[in-house]
N, C-alpha and C. Protein backbone atom coordinates (compact mmCIF):
# COMPACT_ATOMS: atom_id res chain seq x y z
N MET A 1 6.75 -55.58 -44.87
CA MET A 1 7.61 -55.04 -43.67
C MET A 1 8.87 -54.64 -43.95
N PRO A 2 8.84 -53.20 -43.03
CA PRO A 2 10.04 -53.04 -43.10
C PRO A 2 11.45 -53.23 -43.76
N THR A 3 11.72 -52.69 -44.32
CA THR A 3 13.95 -52.86 -44.20
C THR A 3 13.97 -52.15 -43.68
N ARG A 4 15.58 -52.82 -43.14
CA ARG A 4 16.19 -51.99 -42.23
C ARG A 4 17.39 -51.02 -43.03
N ILE A 5 18.42 -50.42 -42.79
CA ILE A 5 18.80 -49.72 -44.01
C ILE A 5 20.14 -49.67 -43.90
N ASN A 6 20.37 -49.71 -42.40
CA ASN A 6 21.82 -50.34 -42.24
C ASN A 6 21.44 -51.26 -42.32
N LYS A 7 21.91 -52.67 -42.71
CA LYS A 7 22.36 -53.81 -42.58
C LYS A 7 23.54 -54.27 -41.66
N GLY A 8 25.12 -53.26 -41.05
CA GLY A 8 26.04 -53.45 -40.71
C GLY A 8 26.17 -53.23 -39.50
N PRO A 9 27.20 -53.92 -38.60
CA PRO A 9 26.85 -54.14 -37.42
C PRO A 9 26.94 -52.48 -36.81
N GLU A 10 26.58 -52.28 -35.81
CA GLU A 10 26.52 -50.74 -35.05
C GLU A 10 28.39 -50.73 -34.76
N ILE A 11 28.76 -49.56 -35.41
CA ILE A 11 30.48 -49.48 -34.38
C ILE A 11 30.20 -47.52 -33.96
N TYR A 12 31.18 -47.86 -33.01
CA TYR A 12 31.52 -46.44 -31.97
C TYR A 12 32.52 -46.62 -32.66
N ASP A 13 32.77 -45.06 -32.92
CA ASP A 13 33.88 -44.34 -33.45
C ASP A 13 34.25 -43.13 -32.54
N PRO A 14 35.03 -42.64 -31.47
CA PRO A 14 35.21 -41.53 -30.14
C PRO A 14 35.81 -40.72 -31.72
N GLU A 15 36.66 -40.56 -32.21
CA GLU A 15 36.64 -40.13 -33.33
C GLU A 15 35.91 -39.81 -34.63
N ALA A 16 35.14 -40.31 -34.77
CA ALA A 16 34.46 -39.78 -35.43
C ALA A 16 33.88 -38.44 -35.67
N LEU A 17 33.60 -38.59 -33.68
CA LEU A 17 33.00 -37.04 -33.86
C LEU A 17 33.65 -36.00 -33.34
N LYS A 18 35.09 -35.61 -33.75
CA LYS A 18 35.52 -36.01 -33.49
C LYS A 18 36.10 -34.33 -33.79
N SER A 19 36.55 -32.66 -33.75
CA SER A 19 36.77 -32.04 -35.00
C SER A 19 37.63 -31.40 -34.20
N GLU A 20 38.72 -30.81 -35.32
CA GLU A 20 39.88 -29.60 -34.81
C GLU A 20 39.79 -28.58 -35.84
N TYR A 21 40.04 -27.39 -35.18
CA TYR A 21 40.48 -26.94 -35.38
C TYR A 21 40.88 -25.72 -35.20
N SER A 22 41.62 -25.00 -35.91
CA SER A 22 43.41 -24.00 -35.85
C SER A 22 43.49 -23.20 -35.05
N ARG A 23 44.07 -22.72 -34.37
CA ARG A 23 44.18 -21.81 -33.34
C ARG A 23 43.87 -20.37 -34.41
N SER A 24 43.86 -20.55 -35.43
CA SER A 24 43.07 -18.86 -36.31
C SER A 24 42.31 -18.88 -36.60
N GLU A 25 41.29 -20.50 -36.29
CA GLU A 25 39.85 -20.10 -36.40
C GLU A 25 39.29 -19.97 -35.08
N ARG A 26 39.86 -19.91 -34.23
CA ARG A 26 39.93 -20.18 -32.55
C ARG A 26 39.95 -18.57 -32.28
N GLU A 27 40.84 -17.79 -33.14
CA GLU A 27 40.75 -16.42 -32.45
C GLU A 27 40.21 -15.76 -33.20
N GLU A 28 39.47 -16.22 -34.77
CA GLU A 28 39.16 -15.56 -35.63
C GLU A 28 37.49 -15.98 -34.40
N ALA A 29 36.81 -16.83 -34.03
CA ALA A 29 35.28 -16.75 -33.70
C ALA A 29 35.04 -16.78 -31.74
N ALA A 30 36.37 -16.25 -31.77
CA ALA A 30 36.46 -15.54 -30.36
C ALA A 30 36.32 -13.71 -30.13
N PRO A 31 35.54 -13.36 -30.85
CA PRO A 31 35.12 -11.85 -30.94
C PRO A 31 33.56 -12.47 -31.00
N TYR A 32 33.34 -13.16 -31.45
CA TYR A 32 31.47 -13.27 -31.95
C TYR A 32 31.45 -14.21 -31.02
N ALA A 33 31.67 -14.66 -30.09
CA ALA A 33 31.30 -14.91 -28.41
C ALA A 33 31.76 -14.14 -28.29
N SER A 34 32.93 -13.79 -27.95
CA SER A 34 32.48 -12.76 -26.17
C SER A 34 31.59 -11.42 -26.51
N LYS A 35 30.97 -11.46 -27.83
CA LYS A 35 30.33 -10.17 -28.09
C LYS A 35 28.92 -10.17 -27.66
N ARG A 36 28.20 -12.30 -27.89
CA ARG A 36 26.95 -12.79 -27.22
C ARG A 36 27.35 -12.36 -26.24
N LYS A 37 27.82 -12.62 -25.18
CA LYS A 37 28.36 -12.73 -24.13
C LYS A 37 27.75 -11.58 -23.43
N LYS A 38 28.27 -10.32 -24.33
CA LYS A 38 28.41 -8.93 -23.37
C LYS A 38 27.08 -8.42 -23.49
N SER A 39 26.33 -9.12 -24.99
CA SER A 39 25.28 -8.27 -25.34
C SER A 39 24.42 -9.18 -24.39
N GLY A 40 24.55 -10.00 -23.78
CA GLY A 40 23.78 -10.88 -22.68
C GLY A 40 23.54 -10.24 -22.30
N ARG A 41 25.25 -10.11 -21.14
CA ARG A 41 25.10 -9.16 -20.20
C ARG A 41 23.91 -7.56 -19.91
N LYS A 42 24.38 -7.31 -21.56
CA LYS A 42 23.51 -5.63 -21.69
C LYS A 42 22.63 -6.28 -21.09
N ILE A 43 20.86 -7.44 -21.59
CA ILE A 43 20.23 -7.22 -21.84
C ILE A 43 19.83 -7.20 -20.23
N SER A 44 20.73 -8.13 -19.82
CA SER A 44 20.28 -8.53 -18.59
C SER A 44 19.98 -7.92 -17.30
N LEU A 45 21.42 -6.87 -17.55
CA LEU A 45 21.12 -5.68 -16.71
C LEU A 45 19.91 -4.45 -17.52
N ARG A 46 19.63 -4.72 -18.60
CA ARG A 46 18.59 -3.47 -18.59
C ARG A 46 16.93 -4.19 -17.93
N ILE A 47 17.09 -5.28 -17.65
CA ILE A 47 15.78 -6.24 -17.55
C ILE A 47 15.24 -5.36 -16.24
N LEU A 48 17.11 -5.93 -15.16
CA LEU A 48 17.23 -5.62 -14.18
C LEU A 48 17.13 -4.46 -14.14
N LEU A 49 17.28 -3.02 -13.82
CA LEU A 49 17.10 -1.51 -14.10
C LEU A 49 15.88 -1.48 -14.67
N LEU A 50 14.36 -2.14 -15.46
CA LEU A 50 13.06 -1.40 -15.49
C LEU A 50 12.66 -2.39 -14.84
N ASP A 51 12.75 -3.15 -14.27
CA ASP A 51 12.25 -3.82 -12.48
C ASP A 51 12.42 -3.03 -11.60
N LEU A 52 14.14 -2.13 -11.29
CA LEU A 52 13.53 -1.56 -10.41
C LEU A 52 12.79 -0.40 -10.75
N LEU A 53 12.91 0.08 -11.20
CA LEU A 53 12.17 1.50 -11.84
C LEU A 53 10.96 1.29 -11.97
N LEU A 54 10.37 -0.05 -12.57
CA LEU A 54 8.79 -0.49 -12.44
C LEU A 54 8.49 -0.58 -10.48
N LEU A 55 9.35 -1.38 -10.10
CA LEU A 55 8.52 -0.37 -8.21
C LEU A 55 8.70 0.37 -7.52
N CYS A 56 9.45 1.24 -8.02
CA CYS A 56 9.82 2.72 -7.77
C CYS A 56 8.98 3.49 -8.08
N VAL A 57 8.45 3.22 -9.48
CA VAL A 57 7.29 3.88 -10.00
C VAL A 57 6.15 3.60 -8.87
N ILE A 58 5.77 1.82 -9.23
CA ILE A 58 4.46 1.62 -8.50
C ILE A 58 4.34 2.19 -6.91
N GLY A 59 5.95 1.70 -6.49
CA GLY A 59 6.02 2.71 -4.29
C GLY A 59 5.78 4.01 -4.42
N GLY A 60 5.96 4.68 -5.72
CA GLY A 60 6.21 6.05 -5.99
C GLY A 60 4.76 6.43 -5.22
N ILE A 61 3.98 5.64 -6.68
CA ILE A 61 2.02 6.23 -6.66
C ILE A 61 1.23 5.29 -6.13
N LEU A 62 1.56 4.30 -5.05
CA LEU A 62 0.95 3.54 -4.62
C LEU A 62 1.19 3.68 -2.64
N TYR A 63 2.22 4.03 -3.05
CA TYR A 63 2.18 4.01 -1.31
C TYR A 63 1.82 4.91 -0.72
N PRO A 64 1.57 6.35 -1.03
CA PRO A 64 1.46 7.54 -0.34
C PRO A 64 -0.56 6.87 -0.38
N TYR A 65 -0.81 6.23 -1.56
CA TYR A 65 -2.14 6.39 -1.33
C TYR A 65 -2.90 5.11 0.18
N ILE A 66 -1.76 4.47 0.13
CA ILE A 66 -1.90 2.94 0.97
C ILE A 66 -1.98 2.86 2.54
N ALA A 67 -0.42 4.01 2.67
CA ALA A 67 0.49 3.98 3.80
C ALA A 67 -0.84 4.59 4.43
N GLY A 68 -0.94 4.34 5.99
CA GLY A 68 -1.10 4.79 6.72
C GLY A 68 -3.17 5.33 6.82
N ARG A 69 -3.41 5.16 5.53
CA ARG A 69 -4.46 4.98 5.92
C ARG A 69 -5.57 4.07 6.11
N ASN A 70 -6.21 3.90 7.43
CA ASN A 70 -7.01 3.71 7.95
C ASN A 70 -8.38 4.65 9.07
N LYS A 71 -9.20 4.59 8.38
CA LYS A 71 -10.02 5.43 7.66
C LYS A 71 -11.36 5.04 8.50
N GLU A 72 -11.80 4.17 8.58
CA GLU A 72 -12.90 3.58 8.96
C GLU A 72 -12.32 1.92 9.99
N GLY A 73 -13.50 2.03 10.47
CA GLY A 73 -13.51 0.92 11.91
C GLY A 73 -15.09 0.75 12.35
N VAL A 74 -15.25 -0.31 12.91
CA VAL A 74 -16.20 -0.34 13.70
C VAL A 74 -15.51 -1.02 15.18
N LEU A 75 -16.68 -0.74 15.89
CA LEU A 75 -16.01 -0.26 17.57
C LEU A 75 -17.25 -0.52 18.33
N GLU A 76 -18.00 -1.90 19.17
CA GLU A 76 -18.67 -1.75 19.26
C GLU A 76 -19.87 -1.75 18.33
N GLY A 77 -20.32 -2.66 17.64
CA GLY A 77 -21.41 -2.26 16.66
C GLY A 77 -21.44 -1.15 15.75
N ILE A 78 -20.48 -0.13 15.96
CA ILE A 78 -20.64 0.98 15.52
C ILE A 78 -19.29 2.03 14.14
N ARG A 79 -19.84 2.04 13.69
CA ARG A 79 -18.76 2.48 11.86
C ARG A 79 -18.41 3.25 12.65
N CYS A 80 -16.85 3.61 12.41
CA CYS A 80 -16.46 5.02 12.79
C CYS A 80 -15.64 5.23 11.46
N ARG A 81 -15.76 6.56 10.61
CA ARG A 81 -15.17 7.08 9.74
C ARG A 81 -14.62 8.43 9.93
N MET A 82 -13.17 8.00 9.47
CA MET A 82 -12.36 9.83 9.98
C MET A 82 -12.68 10.46 8.49
N TYR A 83 -12.59 12.12 8.43
CA TYR A 83 -12.40 12.52 7.52
C TYR A 83 -11.68 13.41 7.83
N LEU A 84 -10.43 14.31 6.92
CA LEU A 84 -9.33 14.64 7.31
C LEU A 84 -9.09 15.26 6.44
N SER A 85 -8.63 16.92 6.47
CA SER A 85 -8.53 18.43 5.02
C SER A 85 -7.53 19.13 5.83
N SER A 86 -7.42 19.89 5.07
CA SER A 86 -5.89 20.80 5.70
C SER A 86 -5.87 21.76 4.89
N SER A 87 -5.73 23.18 5.20
CA SER A 87 -5.78 24.34 4.18
C SER A 87 -5.37 25.55 4.80
N GLU A 88 -4.34 25.72 4.46
CA GLU A 88 -3.10 26.54 4.37
C GLU A 88 -2.78 26.65 5.88
N GLY A 89 -2.16 25.56 6.66
CA GLY A 89 -1.77 25.18 8.39
C GLY A 89 -2.40 24.17 8.93
N THR A 90 -4.68 24.86 9.40
CA THR A 90 -4.73 24.10 9.36
C THR A 90 -5.89 22.86 9.13
N LEU A 91 -5.79 22.09 10.33
CA LEU A 91 -6.04 20.87 9.79
C LEU A 91 -6.98 20.78 10.33
N TYR A 92 -8.61 19.84 9.84
CA TYR A 92 -9.74 20.19 9.59
C TYR A 92 -10.26 18.38 9.86
N ILE A 93 -10.72 17.86 11.26
CA ILE A 93 -10.89 16.74 11.41
C ILE A 93 -12.47 16.92 12.33
N SER A 94 -12.48 15.69 11.36
CA SER A 94 -14.01 15.04 11.37
C SER A 94 -14.68 13.44 11.76
N VAL A 95 -15.33 13.81 12.64
CA VAL A 95 -16.00 11.36 13.17
C VAL A 95 -16.88 11.81 12.64
N ARG A 96 -17.37 10.84 12.45
CA ARG A 96 -18.71 10.18 11.79
C ARG A 96 -18.68 8.57 12.24
N MET A 97 -20.20 9.17 13.04
CA MET A 97 -20.27 7.64 14.09
C MET A 97 -21.72 7.40 13.90
N ASP A 98 -21.25 5.87 12.63
CA ASP A 98 -23.24 5.55 12.83
C ASP A 98 -23.32 4.67 13.09
N ASN A 99 -24.98 4.86 13.74
CA ASN A 99 -24.73 3.32 14.92
C ASN A 99 -26.39 2.16 13.47
N PRO A 100 -26.23 1.49 13.38
CA PRO A 100 -27.55 0.97 12.91
C PRO A 100 -28.61 0.61 13.79
N GLU A 101 -29.47 0.19 12.81
CA GLU A 101 -31.00 0.24 13.27
C GLU A 101 -30.92 -0.93 14.20
N ASP A 102 -30.66 -1.64 15.09
CA ASP A 102 -30.37 -2.72 15.16
C ASP A 102 -29.24 -2.23 16.12
N GLY A 103 -29.15 -1.28 16.46
CA GLY A 103 -27.37 -1.61 17.21
C GLY A 103 -27.93 -1.45 18.46
N VAL A 104 -26.53 -1.09 19.58
CA VAL A 104 -26.43 -1.00 21.20
C VAL A 104 -26.56 1.12 20.97
N PRO A 105 -27.83 0.91 21.90
CA PRO A 105 -27.80 2.07 22.73
C PRO A 105 -26.59 3.03 23.54
N PRO A 106 -26.97 4.51 23.26
CA PRO A 106 -26.14 5.05 23.39
C PRO A 106 -25.40 4.93 25.02
N ASP A 107 -24.42 5.55 24.16
CA ASP A 107 -22.52 5.30 25.17
C ASP A 107 -21.99 6.31 25.59
N THR A 108 -21.43 6.15 26.54
CA THR A 108 -20.00 7.26 26.13
C THR A 108 -18.66 7.12 25.35
N VAL A 109 -18.40 8.51 24.48
CA VAL A 109 -17.11 7.14 23.91
C VAL A 109 -16.06 8.19 24.38
N ASP A 110 -15.11 8.13 24.72
CA ASP A 110 -13.57 8.62 24.50
C ASP A 110 -13.19 8.70 23.06
N ILE A 111 -12.99 10.55 23.14
CA ILE A 111 -11.82 10.40 21.14
C ILE A 111 -10.52 10.91 22.08
N ARG A 112 -9.61 11.08 21.13
CA ARG A 112 -8.31 11.73 21.82
C ARG A 112 -8.03 11.62 20.54
N ILE A 113 -6.86 12.91 20.18
CA ILE A 113 -6.80 13.13 18.44
C ILE A 113 -5.51 13.33 18.44
N PHE A 114 -4.24 13.01 17.49
CA PHE A 114 -3.11 12.98 18.11
C PHE A 114 -2.82 13.73 16.28
N VAL A 115 -1.76 14.86 16.78
CA VAL A 115 -1.53 15.08 15.68
C VAL A 115 0.21 14.97 15.75
N ASN A 116 1.06 13.92 14.70
CA ASN A 116 2.38 14.42 14.89
C ASN A 116 2.67 13.34 16.05
N ASP A 117 1.74 12.69 16.60
CA ASP A 117 1.83 12.06 17.94
C ASP A 117 2.31 13.27 18.91
N THR A 118 1.81 13.56 19.24
CA THR A 118 1.27 15.32 20.16
C THR A 118 -0.35 15.35 20.52
N GLU A 119 -0.68 15.09 21.65
CA GLU A 119 -1.94 14.85 21.55
C GLU A 119 -2.80 16.50 21.36
N ALA A 120 -3.48 16.56 20.98
CA ALA A 120 -3.85 17.90 20.03
C ALA A 120 -5.35 18.26 21.02
N GLY A 121 -6.17 16.91 20.78
CA GLY A 121 -7.28 17.29 21.92
C GLY A 121 -7.79 16.60 22.00
N ALA A 122 -8.92 15.88 23.31
CA ALA A 122 -9.83 15.19 23.89
C ALA A 122 -11.00 15.61 24.24
N PHE A 123 -11.58 14.60 24.18
CA PHE A 123 -13.41 15.41 24.76
C PHE A 123 -14.24 13.21 24.56
N SER A 124 -15.44 14.42 25.77
CA SER A 124 -16.18 12.98 25.48
C SER A 124 -18.02 13.05 24.74
N ASP A 125 -18.33 12.28 24.61
CA ASP A 125 -19.00 12.53 23.31
C ASP A 125 -19.91 11.59 23.73
N LEU A 126 -21.52 11.68 23.25
CA LEU A 126 -22.28 10.50 22.77
C LEU A 126 -22.08 9.52 21.53
N THR A 127 -22.39 8.55 21.85
CA THR A 127 -22.71 7.69 20.71
C THR A 127 -23.64 7.89 19.82
N PRO A 128 -24.12 7.71 18.75
CA PRO A 128 -25.84 7.83 17.83
C PRO A 128 -26.61 7.47 18.50
N ALA A 129 -27.66 7.03 18.84
CA ALA A 129 -28.65 6.51 19.00
C ALA A 129 -29.09 5.37 17.51
N PRO A 130 -29.77 4.26 18.28
CA PRO A 130 -29.66 3.36 17.48
C PRO A 130 -30.94 4.42 15.71
N GLY A 131 -29.57 3.39 14.26
CA GLY A 131 -30.15 4.34 12.96
C GLY A 131 -29.85 5.68 12.56
N LYS A 132 -29.11 6.22 13.63
CA LYS A 132 -29.01 7.58 13.67
C LYS A 132 -27.36 7.65 13.62
N SER A 133 -26.87 8.94 13.36
CA SER A 133 -25.13 9.32 13.16
C SER A 133 -24.77 10.77 14.37
N ARG A 134 -23.84 10.27 14.00
CA ARG A 134 -23.13 11.52 15.28
C ARG A 134 -21.83 11.68 14.37
N THR A 135 -21.54 12.67 14.09
CA THR A 135 -20.28 13.72 13.58
C THR A 135 -19.57 14.39 15.15
N VAL A 136 -18.23 14.52 14.43
CA VAL A 136 -18.14 15.46 16.01
C VAL A 136 -16.45 15.88 14.62
N ARG A 137 -16.52 17.47 15.49
CA ARG A 137 -15.67 18.02 14.40
C ARG A 137 -14.84 19.25 14.85
N TYR A 138 -13.20 18.58 14.64
CA TYR A 138 -12.14 19.71 15.25
C TYR A 138 -11.18 20.14 14.50
N LYS A 139 -11.14 21.24 15.17
CA LYS A 139 -10.02 22.46 13.72
C LYS A 139 -8.99 22.92 14.65
N THR A 140 -7.46 22.54 13.84
CA THR A 140 -6.28 22.79 14.72
C THR A 140 -4.90 22.97 14.03
N SER A 141 -3.90 23.34 14.25
CA SER A 141 -3.36 24.66 13.40
C SER A 141 -2.36 22.83 13.48
N GLY A 142 -1.24 23.60 12.44
CA GLY A 142 -0.30 21.75 12.41
C GLY A 142 0.91 22.49 11.18
N ASP A 143 1.24 21.23 10.54
CA ASP A 143 2.06 22.09 9.84
C ASP A 143 2.27 21.83 7.84
N PRO A 144 2.67 22.53 8.05
CA PRO A 144 1.86 23.20 6.89
C PRO A 144 2.71 22.40 5.80
N GLN A 145 3.28 21.53 5.88
CA GLN A 145 4.04 20.30 4.88
C GLN A 145 3.01 19.10 4.99
N LYS A 146 3.11 18.45 6.04
CA LYS A 146 2.25 17.28 6.25
C LYS A 146 2.43 16.91 7.95
N ASN A 147 1.18 16.13 7.55
CA ASN A 147 0.81 15.99 9.59
C ASN A 147 0.02 14.35 9.69
N ALA A 148 0.87 13.91 10.31
CA ALA A 148 0.10 12.51 10.50
C ALA A 148 -0.91 13.15 11.64
N VAL A 149 -2.19 12.35 11.33
CA VAL A 149 -3.10 12.55 12.36
C VAL A 149 -3.53 10.77 12.52
N ARG A 150 -3.80 10.79 14.00
CA ARG A 150 -4.44 9.63 14.54
C ARG A 150 -5.71 10.43 15.82
N ILE A 151 -6.61 9.42 15.34
CA ILE A 151 -7.74 9.61 16.43
C ILE A 151 -7.91 8.22 17.57
N VAL A 152 -7.96 8.10 18.48
CA VAL A 152 -8.72 7.19 19.05
C VAL A 152 -9.58 6.90 20.23
N LEU A 153 -10.30 6.25 19.73
CA LEU A 153 -11.89 6.31 19.83
C LEU A 153 -11.88 4.91 21.37
N ASP A 154 -12.69 4.87 22.35
CA ASP A 154 -12.65 3.95 22.79
C ASP A 154 -13.40 4.03 23.65
N ILE A 155 -14.92 2.99 23.31
CA ILE A 155 -16.08 2.49 24.27
C ILE A 155 -16.05 1.72 24.43
N ASN A 156 -17.04 1.61 26.30
CA ASN A 156 -16.50 0.76 26.97
C ASN A 156 -15.46 0.05 27.11
N SER A 157 -15.05 -1.04 26.51
CA SER A 157 -13.56 -1.94 26.55
C SER A 157 -13.28 -1.58 25.01
N GLY A 158 -13.87 -1.59 24.01
CA GLY A 158 -14.16 -1.74 23.08
C GLY A 158 -12.62 -0.50 22.89
N HIS A 159 -11.97 -0.32 21.59
CA HIS A 159 -10.90 0.78 21.22
C HIS A 159 -10.12 0.37 20.04
N ILE A 160 -10.29 1.64 19.78
CA ILE A 160 -9.57 1.76 17.92
C ILE A 160 -8.73 2.72 17.57
N GLU A 161 -8.35 2.79 17.18
CA GLU A 161 -7.65 3.77 16.24
C GLU A 161 -7.87 4.26 14.60
N LEU A 162 -8.21 5.15 14.21
CA LEU A 162 -7.97 5.58 13.11
C LEU A 162 -7.08 6.63 13.44
N ASN A 163 -6.72 6.75 11.47
CA ASN A 163 -5.36 7.42 11.03
C ASN A 163 -5.34 8.00 9.16
N ALA A 164 -4.65 8.33 9.94
CA ALA A 164 -4.01 9.86 7.76
C ALA A 164 -3.33 10.79 8.29
N VAL A 165 -2.89 10.32 6.74
CA VAL A 165 -2.39 12.01 6.27
C VAL A 165 -2.51 12.63 6.13
N SER A 166 -1.87 13.67 6.33
CA SER A 166 -2.64 15.37 5.18
C SER A 166 -0.91 15.93 4.77
N SER A 167 -1.04 16.29 3.46
CA SER A 167 -0.17 16.97 2.90
C SER A 167 -0.59 17.91 2.24
N GLU A 168 -0.15 19.18 2.22
CA GLU A 168 -0.68 20.75 1.24
C GLU A 168 0.21 20.75 -0.16
């Protein structure tokens, strides 16, 4: 059987845990404490600045590839894709419609093209036959710096918008 080390009664003495420092000892310790707090602040500020820098880099790199890109869609079972390229202020816009093998028969599709929120062209065409594809091409002038292109397709009661941004 283990023996007890402290065989005496347990006594609580609040003065036993108290320690006293002189004023000179407190003043000598104060610069170290303040330096510790300042370095902690510097580290947290650096972390905050690095986080902001990382967000800016991610936003600057990923945003142009993600924002304003809705180049594909499906309308009445027909897959529609938009292709956009630009050269010296001229925009080349293509809309490709793919009808699957078991797709709907041809119907009229209304296509409206907007460049920088101004209607650049509108036409009506037929959707492709089942198992076939059809491409509609359009060329227009635009801003040499940056162009926002939006295409609105209407088939029967269905409606879809495709958009993209071109920049040189």
